[in-house]
Amino acid sequence: MRTFTQVLEPEYFRHFRCIADACPDSCCIGWDVAVDRATFERYQSCPQPELQQSLQSHVQRNSEPAGTSGYVPYALIRLQGGRCPFLDPDGLCRIQRQWGEAALSDTCAGFPRSYNAVGDVLERSLCLSCPEAARLVLQEDAPLRFVSVETSITLPETAVDSLETSTALLPVRALVLSLLQNRSDPLWLRLLKLEQFCRQLAQLPPAEYDKNLPQLLEEVTADIERGELGAMLSEAAAAPELQLHAMKLLLDHRLQLGQVGDPFLRHVRVFRQALGYDAAASPESAALKYQAAYTEYYQPFLTQHAAMLENYLVNHVFQTLFPFGPERSRQLARRGIYENFLLLALHYALLNTLLTGQAAYWQRDFRRGHAIELIQNFAKTIGHNHLYQSQALGFLSAANLNDATGVAVLVKN
């Protein structure tokens, strides 16, 4: 166990309350549930015979790694028909109902909360795969803000990712957030500016951070303030046909991996239907519909709800210790700075494509609620699938979309 007295969190965090059986989705549907060793051993001596029999039947020791991190959950609750076998028909947990909240595994007790230790400070946020968390973050028009809280929180070591050598994180994060929250630029241009910074930062050895990082931050800030960098990046050519084709291939691959819930399948079907993107359609005709939908329906929606994807990206940056990533994590594979940027850009590109398809489908009736539902299902289906994300990065490399030119193809409309 580890105790923290200093906490950094987004302002929205204190407003979160699980809405339980009123939730339109369930964190007990669509994925196997990891069970830590202490909980598994406690389950072997459950005082209620009927519940113990169910626990012994459905909670199984595990030896397979999860995703690409090498993390091997001690045990798993295997789904039945896509649902946790302990999820009652009314949407509540039978383990908690019969044995109390203390009987839940670390995973079940903590979700959708995410915890990182940065030195001695606990950073906590919410995963947007939870509908209520997605609503809290994505309905806000104001930029996300972070607050320090003095309290006392004790958590299992296994529930907390960590970045112990953290002196570079805060100044780098400050620049990253200033770029992403600069609403005088369209979001795609903010990402292209961030690409430039992350590429330079990735070339700087960590041993030289103390000496050379302040100068790099000053130079990048000065370039941005002069406006020359933005003017140069704005000249990058959009490639809607290539962008759409790449996103379709990546979405198809995610579906092929399986364990995809009906809501996300529905969003993909809407995307294909609205753009006429089926096996018989030519890439050229689909790209023309894509561009038309973006201009006529999606761009006006973005103008009205400019904060939505910005807040998604900012939450991702904070939650993943971007651009460094955690040094110690039970689930996340260690990646380089530029790979972490490519993953951020990939999230944006996939969401932007799917949302354009939704806008094409709903047209003038496209609403914030439609977008929040899609983003929540995206976070659940793609954001938590570390194997898929690693394979998607491999696809970008194989397709030569893993440099400045490739990122412009992915994000610019």
Protein backbone atom coordinates (compact mmCIF):
# COMPACT_ATOMS: atom_id res chain seq x y z
CA MET A 1 0.00 0.00 0.00
CA ARG A 2 1.11 3.60 -0.60
CA THR A 3 -0.20 6.75 1.04
CA PHE A 4 -0.32 10.18 -0.64
CA THR A 5 -1.00 13.55 0.99
CA GLN A 6 -0.68 15.69 -2.16
CA VAL A 7 -3.07 15.16 -5.06
CA LEU A 8 -3.34 16.84 -8.47
CA GLU A 9 -6.61 16.30 -10.33
CA PRO A 10 -8.85 17.89 -12.98
CA GLU A 11 -11.60 20.10 -11.54
CA TYR A 12 -14.23 17.71 -12.86
CA PHE A 13 -12.95 14.83 -10.69
CA ARG A 14 -14.72 15.91 -7.50
CA HIS A 15 -18.08 15.94 -9.28
CA PHE A 16 -17.97 12.28 -10.32
CA ARG A 17 -20.50 9.87 -8.83
CA CYS A 18 -21.19 6.40 -10.22
CA ILE A 19 -24.80 6.31 -11.42
CA ALA A 20 -24.92 2.50 -11.08
CA ASP A 21 -28.08 0.96 -12.56
CA ALA A 22 -28.99 4.27 -14.24
CA CYS A 23 -25.87 4.03 -16.43
CA PRO A 24 -26.56 3.60 -20.17
CA ASP A 25 -23.56 1.26 -20.43
CA SER A 26 -21.81 -0.99 -17.92
CA CYS A 27 -18.18 -1.38 -16.92
CA CYS A 28 -19.07 -5.07 -16.45
CA ILE A 29 -19.79 -5.66 -20.15
CA GLY A 30 -17.34 -6.08 -23.00
CA TRP A 31 -14.04 -6.98 -21.31
CA ASP A 32 -12.56 -9.59 -18.98
CA VAL A 33 -12.11 -8.27 -15.44
CA ALA A 34 -8.66 -8.49 -13.82
CA VAL A 35 -8.54 -9.76 -10.24
CA ASP A 36 -5.52 -9.08 -8.02
CA ARG A 37 -3.94 -11.78 -5.90
CA ALA A 38 -5.21 -10.53 -2.53
CA THR A 39 -8.79 -10.43 -3.80
CA PHE A 40 -8.50 -13.85 -5.43
CA GLU A 41 -7.27 -15.38 -2.18
CA ARG A 42 -10.09 -13.68 -0.27
CA TYR A 43 -12.58 -15.19 -2.72
CA GLN A 44 -11.40 -18.68 -1.75
CA SER A 45 -12.90 -18.25 1.72
CA CYS A 46 -16.14 -16.42 0.95
CA PRO A 47 -18.50 -16.95 3.93
CA GLN A 48 -21.55 -17.34 1.67
CA PRO A 49 -21.67 -20.83 0.13
CA GLU A 50 -23.72 -19.95 -2.94
CA LEU A 51 -21.58 -16.93 -3.80
CA GLN A 52 -18.38 -18.88 -3.13
CA GLN A 53 -19.48 -21.55 -5.58
CA SER A 54 -20.00 -18.89 -8.25
CA LEU A 55 -16.64 -17.29 -7.47
CA GLN A 56 -14.85 -20.60 -7.81
CA SER A 57 -16.60 -21.27 -11.12
CA HIS A 58 -16.04 -17.89 -12.77
CA VAL A 59 -12.84 -16.43 -11.28
CA GLN A 60 -9.92 -18.27 -12.87
CA ARG A 61 -6.18 -18.10 -12.34
CA ASN A 62 -4.46 -16.61 -15.34
CA SER A 63 -1.04 -16.98 -16.97
CA GLU A 64 -1.46 -14.92 -20.13
CA PRO A 65 -0.14 -11.34 -20.49
CA ALA A 66 -2.65 -8.55 -21.09
CA GLY A 67 -1.97 -6.64 -24.30
CA THR A 68 1.67 -5.79 -25.03
CA SER A 69 2.85 -4.65 -21.61
CA GLY A 70 3.82 -8.04 -20.22
CA TYR A 71 1.35 -7.46 -17.38
CA VAL A 72 -0.20 -10.78 -16.34
CA PRO A 73 -3.38 -10.39 -14.26
CA TYR A 74 -3.27 -12.83 -11.35
CA ALA A 75 -6.80 -13.96 -12.14
CA LEU A 76 -9.66 -13.05 -14.47
CA ILE A 77 -13.43 -13.01 -14.31
CA ARG A 78 -14.33 -14.46 -17.70
CA LEU A 79 -17.32 -12.99 -19.48
CA GLN A 80 -20.42 -14.97 -20.33
CA GLY A 81 -22.21 -13.69 -23.40
CA GLY A 82 -20.12 -10.53 -23.21
CA ARG A 83 -21.19 -9.82 -19.60
CA CYS A 84 -19.57 -10.33 -16.22
CA PRO A 85 -21.34 -13.35 -14.66
CA PHE A 86 -21.75 -11.35 -11.42
CA LEU A 87 -23.71 -8.56 -13.14
CA ASP A 88 -27.33 -8.94 -12.04
CA PRO A 89 -30.21 -8.13 -14.43
CA ASP A 90 -30.78 -4.78 -12.69
CA GLY A 91 -27.23 -3.67 -13.60
CA LEU A 92 -25.74 -4.04 -10.11
CA CYS A 93 -22.88 -6.22 -8.90
CA ARG A 94 -23.82 -9.39 -7.05
CA ILE A 95 -20.45 -9.55 -5.23
CA GLN A 96 -20.89 -6.06 -3.83
CA ARG A 97 -24.57 -6.60 -3.09
CA GLN A 98 -24.02 -9.83 -1.12
CA TRP A 99 -20.56 -9.29 0.38
CA GLY A 100 -19.98 -5.52 0.41
CA GLU A 101 -17.81 -3.05 -1.48
CA ALA A 102 -14.66 -4.22 0.32
CA ALA A 103 -14.93 -7.55 -1.54
CA LEU A 104 -14.39 -5.92 -4.95
CA SER A 105 -11.08 -6.35 -6.78
CA ASP A 106 -8.75 -3.37 -7.19
CA THR A 107 -9.94 -3.03 -10.79
CA CYS A 108 -13.64 -3.00 -9.95
CA ALA A 109 -13.24 -0.74 -6.91
CA GLY A 110 -11.15 1.81 -8.79
CA PHE A 111 -12.74 2.13 -12.24
CA PRO A 112 -13.14 4.64 -13.89
CA ARG A 113 -10.49 6.35 -11.79
CA SER A 114 -6.91 6.37 -13.06
CA TYR A 115 -3.96 6.92 -10.72
CA ASN A 116 -0.39 8.03 -11.42
CA ALA A 117 2.39 8.76 -8.94
CA VAL A 118 4.63 11.62 -10.06
CA GLY A 119 7.29 11.65 -7.40
CA ASP A 120 5.34 11.99 -4.16
CA VAL A 121 2.26 13.52 -5.81
CA LEU A 122 -0.77 11.43 -6.76
CA GLU A 123 -2.37 12.44 -10.04
CA ARG A 124 -5.88 11.12 -10.56
CA SER A 125 -8.37 11.46 -13.39
CA LEU A 126 -11.26 9.57 -15.01
CA CYS A 127 -11.32 7.16 -17.94
CA LEU A 128 -13.77 8.34 -20.60
CA SER A 129 -14.87 4.77 -21.26
CA CYS A 130 -17.32 5.45 -18.42
CA PRO A 131 -20.43 7.26 -19.74
CA GLU A 132 -20.74 9.53 -16.70
CA ALA A 133 -17.03 10.42 -16.83
CA ALA A 134 -17.33 11.13 -20.57
CA ARG A 135 -20.32 13.38 -19.91
CA LEU A 136 -18.47 15.34 -17.21
CA VAL A 137 -15.40 15.95 -19.39
CA LEU A 138 -16.96 16.41 -22.82
CA GLN A 139 -19.94 18.59 -21.96
CA GLU A 140 -17.68 21.36 -20.68
CA ASP A 141 -17.02 24.30 -22.99
CA ALA A 142 -14.28 25.69 -20.75
CA PRO A 143 -10.71 24.35 -20.98
CA LEU A 144 -9.87 21.61 -18.49
CA ARG A 145 -8.17 22.96 -15.38
CA PHE A 146 -6.22 21.10 -12.72
CA VAL A 147 -6.24 21.72 -8.97
CA SER A 148 -4.04 20.62 -6.07
CA VAL A 149 -5.75 18.96 -3.12
CA GLU A 150 -4.33 18.22 0.31
CA THR A 151 -5.77 14.99 1.65
CA SER A 152 -4.71 11.48 2.62
CA ILE A 153 -5.26 8.62 0.17
CA THR A 154 -3.95 5.08 0.51
CA LEU A 155 -3.92 2.86 -2.57
CA PRO A 156 -2.52 -0.57 -3.47
CA GLU A 157 0.86 -0.24 -5.20
CA THR A 158 -0.51 -2.22 -8.14
CA ALA A 159 -3.24 0.38 -8.75
CA VAL A 160 -0.78 3.23 -9.37
CA ASP A 161 1.47 3.81 -12.38
CA SER A 162 4.53 5.90 -11.62
CA LEU A 163 6.98 8.37 -13.09
CA GLU A 164 9.60 8.85 -10.40
CA THR A 165 12.12 10.91 -12.41
CA SER A 166 9.57 13.65 -12.90
CA THR A 167 11.51 16.94 -13.05
CA ALA A 168 11.00 17.29 -16.81
CA LEU A 169 7.30 16.43 -16.81
CA LEU A 170 5.81 19.62 -15.40
CA PRO A 171 7.53 22.18 -17.70
CA VAL A 172 6.97 19.93 -20.72
CA ARG A 173 3.33 19.36 -19.77
CA ALA A 174 2.82 23.11 -19.36
CA LEU A 175 3.95 23.69 -22.95
CA VAL A 176 1.90 20.75 -24.26
CA LEU A 177 -1.26 22.04 -22.59
CA SER A 178 -0.64 25.59 -23.81
CA LEU A 179 -0.44 24.23 -27.36
CA LEU A 180 -3.52 22.01 -27.13
CA GLN A 181 -5.66 24.66 -25.40
CA ASN A 182 -4.75 27.51 -27.76
CA ARG A 183 -8.14 28.01 -29.42
CA SER A 184 -6.88 30.61 -31.84
CA ASP A 185 -5.64 27.62 -33.89
CA PRO A 186 -7.77 24.79 -35.29
CA LEU A 187 -7.11 21.57 -33.40
CA TRP A 188 -5.33 19.90 -36.32
CA LEU A 189 -2.83 22.79 -36.41
CA ARG A 190 -2.25 22.50 -32.66
CA LEU A 191 -1.40 18.84 -33.19
CA LEU A 192 1.03 19.67 -35.99
CA LYS A 193 2.78 22.17 -33.72
CA LEU A 194 2.89 19.55 -30.99
CA GLU A 195 4.42 17.10 -33.48
CA GLN A 196 7.27 19.51 -34.09
CA PHE A 197 7.94 19.85 -30.37
CA CYS A 198 7.72 16.11 -29.62
CA ARG A 199 10.07 15.29 -32.49
CA GLN A 200 12.67 17.69 -31.11
CA LEU A 201 12.16 16.51 -27.54
CA ALA A 202 12.58 12.87 -28.60
CA GLN A 203 16.02 13.74 -30.00
CA LEU A 204 17.18 15.15 -26.66
CA PRO A 205 18.80 12.52 -24.40
CA PRO A 206 17.28 12.46 -20.90
CA ALA A 207 20.75 12.95 -19.44
CA GLU A 208 20.77 16.40 -21.08
CA TYR A 209 17.37 17.55 -19.80
CA ASP A 210 18.76 19.65 -16.96
CA LYS A 211 21.16 21.43 -19.29
CA ASN A 212 19.25 21.72 -22.59
CA LEU A 213 15.52 21.29 -21.94
CA PRO A 214 14.92 24.90 -20.78
CA GLN A 215 16.51 26.19 -23.99
CA LEU A 216 14.37 23.88 -26.14
CA LEU A 217 11.20 25.02 -24.37
CA GLU A 218 12.17 28.68 -24.88
CA GLU A 219 12.93 28.16 -28.57
CA VAL A 220 9.67 26.33 -29.27
CA THR A 221 7.68 28.97 -27.38
CA ALA A 222 9.40 31.75 -29.32
CA ASP A 223 8.72 30.01 -32.65
CA ILE A 224 5.04 29.73 -31.80
CA GLU A 225 4.74 33.34 -30.67
CA ARG A 226 6.36 34.64 -33.87
CA GLY A 227 3.71 32.81 -35.89
CA GLU A 228 6.15 31.51 -38.48
CA LEU A 229 5.73 27.89 -37.42
CA GLY A 230 1.94 28.08 -37.70
CA ALA A 231 2.14 29.71 -41.12
CA MET A 232 4.50 27.00 -42.38
CA LEU A 233 2.42 24.13 -40.99
CA SER A 234 -0.80 25.57 -42.38
CA GLU A 235 0.58 24.97 -45.87
CA ALA A 236 0.58 21.20 -45.33
CA ALA A 237 -1.68 19.61 -47.91
CA ALA A 238 -4.82 17.75 -46.83
CA ALA A 239 -5.23 14.26 -48.29
CA PRO A 240 -8.83 13.21 -47.55
CA GLU A 241 -8.79 10.09 -49.70
CA LEU A 242 -5.62 8.70 -48.08
CA GLN A 243 -6.79 9.78 -44.63
CA LEU A 244 -10.16 8.07 -45.00
CA HIS A 245 -8.63 4.89 -46.43
CA ALA A 246 -6.12 4.64 -43.57
CA MET A 247 -8.82 5.15 -40.96
CA LYS A 248 -11.07 2.54 -42.59
CA LEU A 249 -8.26 -0.04 -42.55
CA LEU A 250 -7.54 0.68 -38.88
CA LEU A 251 -11.20 0.44 -37.92
CA ASP A 252 -11.60 -2.80 -39.87
CA HIS A 253 -8.62 -4.27 -38.04
CA ARG A 254 -10.08 -3.38 -34.66
CA LEU A 255 -13.30 -5.19 -35.56
CA GLN A 256 -11.31 -8.24 -36.65
CA LEU A 257 -9.67 -8.48 -33.21
CA GLY A 258 -13.07 -9.18 -31.68
CA GLN A 259 -14.63 -8.33 -28.30
CA VAL A 260 -16.37 -5.26 -29.77
CA GLY A 261 -19.62 -4.17 -28.20
CA ASP A 262 -22.81 -3.51 -30.13
CA PRO A 263 -22.73 0.28 -29.56
CA PHE A 264 -19.32 0.67 -31.22
CA LEU A 265 -20.35 -1.64 -34.06
CA ARG A 266 -23.38 0.57 -34.56
CA HIS A 267 -21.19 3.69 -34.79
CA VAL A 268 -18.96 2.04 -37.40
CA ARG A 269 -22.00 0.95 -39.44
CA VAL A 270 -23.34 4.52 -39.34
CA PHE A 271 -19.96 5.82 -40.53
CA ARG A 272 -19.92 3.40 -43.46
CA GLN A 273 -23.56 3.93 -44.38
CA ALA A 274 -23.44 7.71 -44.30
CA LEU A 275 -20.34 7.87 -46.48
CA GLY A 276 -21.38 5.01 -48.79
CA TYR A 277 -18.13 3.30 -47.82
CA ASP A 278 -18.71 -0.36 -48.63
CA ALA A 279 -16.83 -2.91 -50.66
CA ALA A 280 -18.38 -1.66 -53.91
CA ALA A 281 -17.70 2.05 -53.32
CA SER A 282 -14.71 3.72 -54.92
CA PRO A 283 -12.28 5.50 -52.55
CA GLU A 284 -12.72 8.65 -54.61
CA SER A 285 -16.52 8.82 -54.15
CA ALA A 286 -16.26 8.07 -50.43
CA ALA A 287 -13.64 10.81 -50.03
CA LEU A 288 -15.87 13.33 -51.80
CA LYS A 289 -18.78 12.50 -49.46
CA TYR A 290 -16.38 12.67 -46.51
CA GLN A 291 -15.19 16.15 -47.43
CA ALA A 292 -18.73 17.36 -48.11
CA ALA A 293 -19.96 16.03 -44.76
CA TYR A 294 -17.03 17.62 -42.96
CA THR A 295 -17.68 21.03 -44.51
CA GLU A 296 -21.47 21.07 -44.37
CA TYR A 297 -22.24 19.32 -41.07
CA TYR A 298 -19.20 18.52 -38.96
CA GLN A 299 -17.34 21.83 -39.16
CA PRO A 300 -20.37 23.83 -37.93
CA PHE A 301 -20.71 21.34 -35.07
CA LEU A 302 -17.02 21.79 -34.19
CA THR A 303 -17.42 25.56 -34.20
CA GLN A 304 -20.22 25.24 -31.66
CA HIS A 305 -18.50 22.56 -29.54
CA ALA A 306 -14.83 23.44 -29.94
CA ALA A 307 -13.86 22.12 -26.52
CA MET A 308 -15.02 18.54 -26.96
CA LEU A 309 -12.05 16.92 -28.73
CA GLU A 310 -9.66 19.36 -27.06
CA ASN A 311 -10.79 18.17 -23.64
CA TYR A 312 -10.51 14.54 -24.76
CA LEU A 313 -6.89 15.11 -25.79
CA VAL A 314 -6.01 17.09 -22.66
CA ASN A 315 -7.49 14.38 -20.45
CA HIS A 316 -5.45 11.79 -22.37
CA VAL A 317 -2.27 13.87 -21.94
CA PHE A 318 -2.76 14.14 -18.19
CA GLN A 319 -3.83 10.55 -17.69
CA THR A 320 -0.97 8.95 -19.65
CA LEU A 321 1.86 11.16 -18.30
CA PHE A 322 2.33 12.36 -21.88
CA PRO A 323 4.77 12.55 -23.58
CA PHE A 324 7.01 10.42 -21.36
CA GLY A 325 4.57 7.77 -20.19
CA PRO A 326 4.96 5.90 -16.90
CA GLU A 327 8.28 4.32 -15.94
CA ARG A 328 6.43 1.62 -14.04
CA SER A 329 3.01 0.39 -15.11
CA ARG A 330 1.15 -2.86 -14.68
CA GLN A 331 -0.58 -2.50 -18.06
CA LEU A 332 1.06 0.09 -20.31
CA ALA A 333 4.05 -0.83 -22.47
CA ARG A 334 6.94 1.61 -22.29
CA ARG A 335 7.02 3.74 -25.45
CA GLY A 336 9.18 6.56 -26.72
CA ILE A 337 8.15 10.21 -26.75
CA TYR A 338 7.36 10.32 -30.47
CA GLU A 339 5.41 7.05 -30.35
CA ASN A 340 3.27 8.51 -27.56
CA PHE A 341 2.62 11.54 -29.75
CA LEU A 342 1.66 9.33 -32.71
CA LEU A 343 -0.80 7.50 -30.48
CA LEU A 344 -2.38 10.81 -29.43
CA ALA A 345 -2.65 11.90 -33.07
CA LEU A 346 -4.12 8.51 -33.97
CA HIS A 347 -6.84 8.86 -31.34
CA TYR A 348 -7.73 12.26 -32.78
CA ALA A 349 -7.71 11.03 -36.38
CA LEU A 350 -9.93 8.03 -35.69
CA LEU A 351 -12.37 10.07 -33.63
CA ASN A 352 -12.44 12.87 -36.19
CA THR A 353 -13.24 10.38 -38.95
CA LEU A 354 -15.99 8.59 -37.01
CA LEU A 355 -17.53 11.89 -35.90
CA THR A 356 -17.57 13.12 -39.49
CA GLY A 357 -19.46 9.97 -40.43
CA GLN A 358 -21.92 10.59 -37.58
CA ALA A 359 -22.40 14.16 -38.76
CA ALA A 360 -23.06 12.91 -42.28
CA TYR A 361 -25.70 10.55 -40.90
CA TRP A 362 -27.49 12.96 -38.54
CA GLN A 363 -26.84 16.08 -40.64
CA ARG A 364 -28.58 19.11 -39.05
CA ASP A 365 -29.72 16.94 -36.13
CA PHE A 366 -26.17 16.03 -35.03
CA ARG A 367 -25.97 16.84 -31.32
CA ARG A 368 -23.39 16.84 -28.54
CA GLY A 369 -25.03 13.76 -27.03
CA HIS A 370 -24.37 11.76 -30.21
CA ALA A 371 -20.70 12.73 -30.09
CA ILE A 372 -20.29 11.97 -26.37
CA GLU A 373 -21.78 8.51 -26.83
CA LEU A 374 -19.43 7.77 -29.72
CA ILE A 375 -16.34 9.02 -27.85
CA GLN A 376 -17.23 6.96 -24.77
CA ASN A 377 -17.58 3.80 -26.86
CA PHE A 378 -14.35 4.62 -28.70
CA ALA A 379 -12.52 4.98 -25.38
CA LYS A 380 -13.88 1.62 -24.23
CA THR A 381 -13.18 -0.25 -27.48
CA ILE A 382 -9.90 1.33 -28.59
CA GLY A 383 -8.53 3.37 -25.69
CA HIS A 384 -8.26 0.32 -23.41
CA ASN A 385 -7.02 -2.12 -26.05
CA HIS A 386 -3.24 -1.86 -25.75
CA LEU A 387 -2.57 -4.66 -28.21
CA TYR A 388 -4.59 -2.91 -30.91
CA GLN A 389 -2.87 0.42 -30.25
CA SER A 390 0.57 -1.17 -30.63
CA GLN A 391 -0.52 -2.82 -33.88
CA ALA A 392 -1.94 0.50 -35.11
CA LEU A 393 1.41 2.19 -34.48
CA GLY A 394 3.00 -0.60 -36.51
CA PHE A 395 0.55 0.12 -39.32
CA LEU A 396 1.50 3.84 -39.32
CA SER A 397 5.15 2.87 -39.61
CA ALA A 398 4.54 0.40 -42.44
CA ALA A 399 2.41 2.97 -44.29
CA ASN A 400 5.03 5.73 -43.86
CA LEU A 401 2.57 7.80 -41.83
CA ASN A 402 4.84 8.08 -38.81
CA ASP A 403 6.53 11.41 -39.56
CA ALA A 404 5.50 15.06 -39.92
CA THR A 405 4.10 14.54 -43.41
CA GLY A 406 2.19 11.44 -42.34
CA VAL A 407 0.74 13.15 -39.28
CA ALA A 408 -0.55 15.96 -41.51
CA VAL A 409 -2.33 13.31 -43.63
CA LEU A 410 -3.91 11.87 -40.48
CA VAL A 411 -5.14 15.06 -38.82
CA LYS A 412 -5.65 17.79 -41.41
CA ASN A 413 -9.04 18.31 -43.09
